[in-house]
Amino acid sequence: MNTDNIETVASYTEDGLTYEIDHLGITHPTQRGEYAVYLDGRQVAEFLAWGTFLVPEAQPEELPPPGDLIDMARRAVRDQD
């Protein structure tokens, strides 16, 4: 995981490639619940944690568990293919 990037909240390895999951809302509260998936510094997918956009007041305060984020990221990357 890239510890220099405060937005990176999880990472996973698949087929020898390491993907990083960035939570865009860490530094931009209006984007809470929005995530991007990066491979070698290039964005390869994005997803919403709750499947639909929620107004900031309705979004949960806590991040989904890392395992859930990784599952959502894997689906988002597969959907890009």
N, C-alpha and C. Protein backbone atom coordinates (compact mmCIF):
# COMPACT_ATOMS: atom_id res chain seq x y z
N MET A 1 0.84 -1.18 0.00
CA MET A 1 0.00 0.00 0.00
C MET A 1 0.89 1.24 0.00
N ASN A 2 0.47 2.26 -0.71
CA ASN A 2 1.21 3.51 -0.78
C ASN A 2 0.88 4.34 0.46
N THR A 3 1.79 4.35 1.42
CA THR A 3 1.51 5.04 2.67
C THR A 3 1.64 6.55 2.53
N ASP A 4 2.17 7.05 1.42
CA ASP A 4 2.27 8.49 1.21
C ASP A 4 0.93 9.09 0.80
N ASN A 5 0.01 8.30 0.37
CA ASN A 5 -1.28 8.79 -0.12
C ASN A 5 -2.33 8.53 0.95
N ILE A 6 -2.82 9.61 1.59
CA ILE A 6 -3.79 9.43 2.67
C ILE A 6 -5.13 8.92 2.18
N GLU A 7 -5.38 9.02 0.88
CA GLU A 7 -6.65 8.54 0.34
C GLU A 7 -6.66 7.03 0.15
N THR A 8 -5.50 6.38 0.09
CA THR A 8 -5.45 4.94 -0.11
C THR A 8 -5.87 4.25 1.19
N VAL A 9 -6.98 3.50 1.10
CA VAL A 9 -7.53 2.86 2.29
C VAL A 9 -7.39 1.34 2.29
N ALA A 10 -7.07 0.76 1.14
CA ALA A 10 -6.89 -0.69 1.05
C ALA A 10 -6.16 -1.00 -0.24
N SER A 11 -5.60 -2.20 -0.28
CA SER A 11 -4.97 -2.67 -1.52
C SER A 11 -5.13 -4.18 -1.57
N TYR A 12 -4.99 -4.71 -2.77
CA TYR A 12 -5.06 -6.16 -2.93
C TYR A 12 -4.22 -6.57 -4.14
N THR A 13 -3.82 -7.83 -4.15
CA THR A 13 -3.02 -8.35 -5.25
C THR A 13 -3.83 -9.42 -5.97
N GLU A 14 -3.82 -9.35 -7.28
CA GLU A 14 -4.52 -10.32 -8.11
C GLU A 14 -3.68 -10.56 -9.36
N ASP A 15 -3.42 -11.82 -9.67
CA ASP A 15 -2.60 -12.19 -10.83
C ASP A 15 -1.25 -11.49 -10.81
N GLY A 16 -0.69 -11.31 -9.60
CA GLY A 16 0.62 -10.69 -9.45
C GLY A 16 0.62 -9.18 -9.57
N LEU A 17 -0.55 -8.56 -9.72
CA LEU A 17 -0.67 -7.11 -9.83
C LEU A 17 -1.28 -6.55 -8.55
N THR A 18 -0.75 -5.42 -8.07
CA THR A 18 -1.26 -4.81 -6.86
C THR A 18 -2.14 -3.62 -7.21
N TYR A 19 -3.37 -3.66 -6.73
CA TYR A 19 -4.35 -2.59 -6.94
C TYR A 19 -4.49 -1.80 -5.64
N GLU A 20 -4.61 -0.49 -5.75
CA GLU A 20 -4.83 0.37 -4.60
C GLU A 20 -6.23 0.96 -4.69
N ILE A 21 -6.91 1.01 -3.54
CA ILE A 21 -8.26 1.57 -3.47
C ILE A 21 -8.16 2.90 -2.73
N ASP A 22 -8.53 3.97 -3.41
CA ASP A 22 -8.51 5.31 -2.81
C ASP A 22 -9.91 5.75 -2.48
N HIS A 23 -10.06 6.26 -1.26
CA HIS A 23 -11.34 6.85 -0.83
C HIS A 23 -11.27 8.34 -1.13
N LEU A 24 -11.98 8.75 -2.15
CA LEU A 24 -11.91 10.13 -2.60
C LEU A 24 -12.43 11.11 -1.56
N GLY A 25 -13.29 10.66 -0.68
CA GLY A 25 -13.91 11.55 0.30
C GLY A 25 -13.07 11.89 1.51
N ILE A 26 -11.89 11.29 1.66
CA ILE A 26 -11.07 11.61 2.82
C ILE A 26 -10.71 13.09 2.83
N THR A 27 -10.34 13.62 1.68
CA THR A 27 -9.97 15.04 1.62
C THR A 27 -11.07 15.88 1.00
N HIS A 28 -12.13 15.25 0.51
CA HIS A 28 -13.26 15.96 -0.09
C HIS A 28 -14.55 15.38 0.48
N PRO A 29 -15.04 15.91 1.60
CA PRO A 29 -16.21 15.32 2.26
C PRO A 29 -17.44 15.16 1.36
N THR A 30 -17.59 15.96 0.33
CA THR A 30 -18.76 15.79 -0.55
C THR A 30 -18.64 14.55 -1.40
N GLN A 31 -17.47 13.91 -1.42
CA GLN A 31 -17.27 12.68 -2.20
C GLN A 31 -17.19 11.46 -1.29
N ARG A 32 -17.63 11.58 -0.07
CA ARG A 32 -17.59 10.45 0.85
C ARG A 32 -18.37 9.29 0.24
N GLY A 33 -17.79 8.11 0.24
CA GLY A 33 -18.44 6.95 -0.34
C GLY A 33 -18.02 6.69 -1.78
N GLU A 34 -17.22 7.59 -2.36
CA GLU A 34 -16.73 7.40 -3.73
C GLU A 34 -15.29 6.88 -3.68
N TYR A 35 -15.02 5.88 -4.50
CA TYR A 35 -13.71 5.23 -4.49
C TYR A 35 -13.18 5.10 -5.92
N ALA A 36 -11.86 5.10 -6.03
CA ALA A 36 -11.19 4.85 -7.30
C ALA A 36 -10.19 3.73 -7.09
N VAL A 37 -9.99 2.92 -8.12
CA VAL A 37 -9.05 1.81 -8.07
C VAL A 37 -7.89 2.13 -9.02
N TYR A 38 -6.68 1.99 -8.51
CA TYR A 38 -5.49 2.32 -9.29
C TYR A 38 -4.59 1.10 -9.45
N LEU A 39 -3.96 1.01 -10.60
CA LEU A 39 -2.96 0.00 -10.91
C LEU A 39 -1.77 0.74 -11.49
N ASP A 40 -0.62 0.64 -10.84
CA ASP A 40 0.59 1.33 -11.29
C ASP A 40 0.36 2.83 -11.47
N GLY A 41 -0.39 3.44 -10.55
CA GLY A 41 -0.62 4.87 -10.59
C GLY A 41 -1.64 5.34 -11.60
N ARG A 42 -2.28 4.40 -12.31
CA ARG A 42 -3.28 4.74 -13.33
C ARG A 42 -4.64 4.26 -12.85
N GLN A 43 -5.64 5.16 -12.90
CA GLN A 43 -6.98 4.78 -12.47
C GLN A 43 -7.57 3.79 -13.47
N VAL A 44 -8.05 2.65 -12.94
CA VAL A 44 -8.62 1.62 -13.80
C VAL A 44 -10.11 1.39 -13.56
N ALA A 45 -10.65 1.92 -12.46
CA ALA A 45 -12.07 1.75 -12.16
C ALA A 45 -12.46 2.72 -11.05
N GLU A 46 -13.76 2.87 -10.89
CA GLU A 46 -14.29 3.63 -9.76
C GLU A 46 -15.62 3.01 -9.34
N PHE A 47 -16.01 3.26 -8.10
CA PHE A 47 -17.27 2.70 -7.61
C PHE A 47 -17.77 3.52 -6.44
N LEU A 48 -19.05 3.35 -6.15
CA LEU A 48 -19.68 3.93 -4.97
C LEU A 48 -19.87 2.83 -3.95
N ALA A 49 -19.52 3.09 -2.72
CA ALA A 49 -19.58 2.05 -1.69
C ALA A 49 -20.99 1.55 -1.44
N TRP A 50 -21.99 2.40 -1.60
CA TRP A 50 -23.34 1.99 -1.28
C TRP A 50 -24.17 1.73 -2.51
N GLY A 51 -23.53 1.65 -3.68
CA GLY A 51 -24.22 1.31 -4.91
C GLY A 51 -24.95 2.46 -5.57
N THR A 52 -25.32 3.46 -4.78
CA THR A 52 -25.96 4.65 -5.33
C THR A 52 -25.39 5.85 -4.60
N PHE A 53 -25.51 7.00 -5.20
CA PHE A 53 -25.01 8.21 -4.56
C PHE A 53 -25.96 8.62 -3.45
N LEU A 54 -25.41 8.84 -2.28
CA LEU A 54 -26.20 9.30 -1.14
C LEU A 54 -25.81 10.73 -0.82
N VAL A 55 -26.76 11.54 -0.44
CA VAL A 55 -26.42 12.89 -0.01
C VAL A 55 -25.52 12.78 1.21
N PRO A 56 -24.59 13.71 1.37
CA PRO A 56 -23.62 13.59 2.47
C PRO A 56 -24.24 13.31 3.83
N GLU A 57 -25.38 13.89 4.13
CA GLU A 57 -26.00 13.67 5.44
C GLU A 57 -26.45 12.23 5.65
N ALA A 58 -26.71 11.51 4.56
CA ALA A 58 -27.22 10.14 4.67
C ALA A 58 -26.11 9.09 4.59
N GLN A 59 -24.90 9.51 4.31
CA GLN A 59 -23.81 8.55 4.16
C GLN A 59 -23.27 8.14 5.53
N PRO A 60 -22.99 6.86 5.70
CA PRO A 60 -22.42 6.39 6.97
C PRO A 60 -21.09 7.08 7.25
N GLU A 61 -20.80 7.28 8.51
CA GLU A 61 -19.56 7.93 8.92
C GLU A 61 -18.34 7.03 8.69
N GLU A 62 -18.50 5.72 8.88
CA GLU A 62 -17.36 4.81 8.81
C GLU A 62 -17.21 4.21 7.42
N LEU A 63 -15.97 3.86 7.10
CA LEU A 63 -15.70 3.17 5.84
C LEU A 63 -16.19 1.73 5.94
N PRO A 64 -16.57 1.14 4.80
CA PRO A 64 -16.87 -0.30 4.82
C PRO A 64 -15.61 -1.06 5.23
N PRO A 65 -15.74 -2.26 5.75
CA PRO A 65 -14.57 -3.06 6.12
C PRO A 65 -13.69 -3.29 4.88
N PRO A 66 -12.36 -3.42 5.08
CA PRO A 66 -11.45 -3.62 3.95
C PRO A 66 -11.86 -4.76 3.02
N GLY A 67 -12.32 -5.87 3.57
CA GLY A 67 -12.73 -7.00 2.73
C GLY A 67 -13.87 -6.63 1.80
N ASP A 68 -14.82 -5.85 2.30
CA ASP A 68 -15.94 -5.40 1.46
C ASP A 68 -15.45 -4.45 0.37
N LEU A 69 -14.54 -3.53 0.73
CA LEU A 69 -13.99 -2.61 -0.26
C LEU A 69 -13.25 -3.36 -1.36
N ILE A 70 -12.50 -4.39 -0.99
CA ILE A 70 -11.76 -5.17 -1.97
C ILE A 70 -12.73 -5.91 -2.89
N ASP A 71 -13.80 -6.47 -2.34
CA ASP A 71 -14.80 -7.14 -3.18
C ASP A 71 -15.42 -6.16 -4.17
N MET A 72 -15.78 -4.95 -3.70
CA MET A 72 -16.37 -3.95 -4.58
C MET A 72 -15.38 -3.50 -5.65
N ALA A 73 -14.11 -3.35 -5.26
CA ALA A 73 -13.09 -2.94 -6.22
C ALA A 73 -12.88 -4.01 -7.29
N ARG A 74 -12.83 -5.26 -6.88
CA ARG A 74 -12.67 -6.35 -7.86
C ARG A 74 -13.81 -6.35 -8.87
N ARG A 75 -15.04 -6.17 -8.39
CA ARG A 75 -16.19 -6.12 -9.30
C ARG A 75 -16.07 -4.93 -10.25
N ALA A 76 -15.67 -3.78 -9.72
CA ALA A 76 -15.55 -2.58 -10.56
C ALA A 76 -14.49 -2.77 -11.64
N VAL A 77 -13.36 -3.40 -11.29
CA VAL A 77 -12.30 -3.65 -12.27
C VAL A 77 -12.80 -4.65 -13.31
N ARG A 78 -13.46 -5.72 -12.88
CA ARG A 78 -14.00 -6.71 -13.83
C ARG A 78 -15.00 -6.07 -14.79
N ASP A 79 -15.83 -5.17 -14.28
CA ASP A 79 -16.84 -4.51 -15.12
C ASP A 79 -16.22 -3.60 -16.17
N GLN A 80 -14.97 -3.19 -15.97
CA GLN A 80 -14.28 -2.33 -16.93
C GLN A 80 -13.77 -3.13 -18.13
N ASP A 81 -13.62 -4.44 -17.95
CA ASP A 81 -13.09 -5.28 -19.04
C ASP A 81 -14.10 -5.51 -20.13
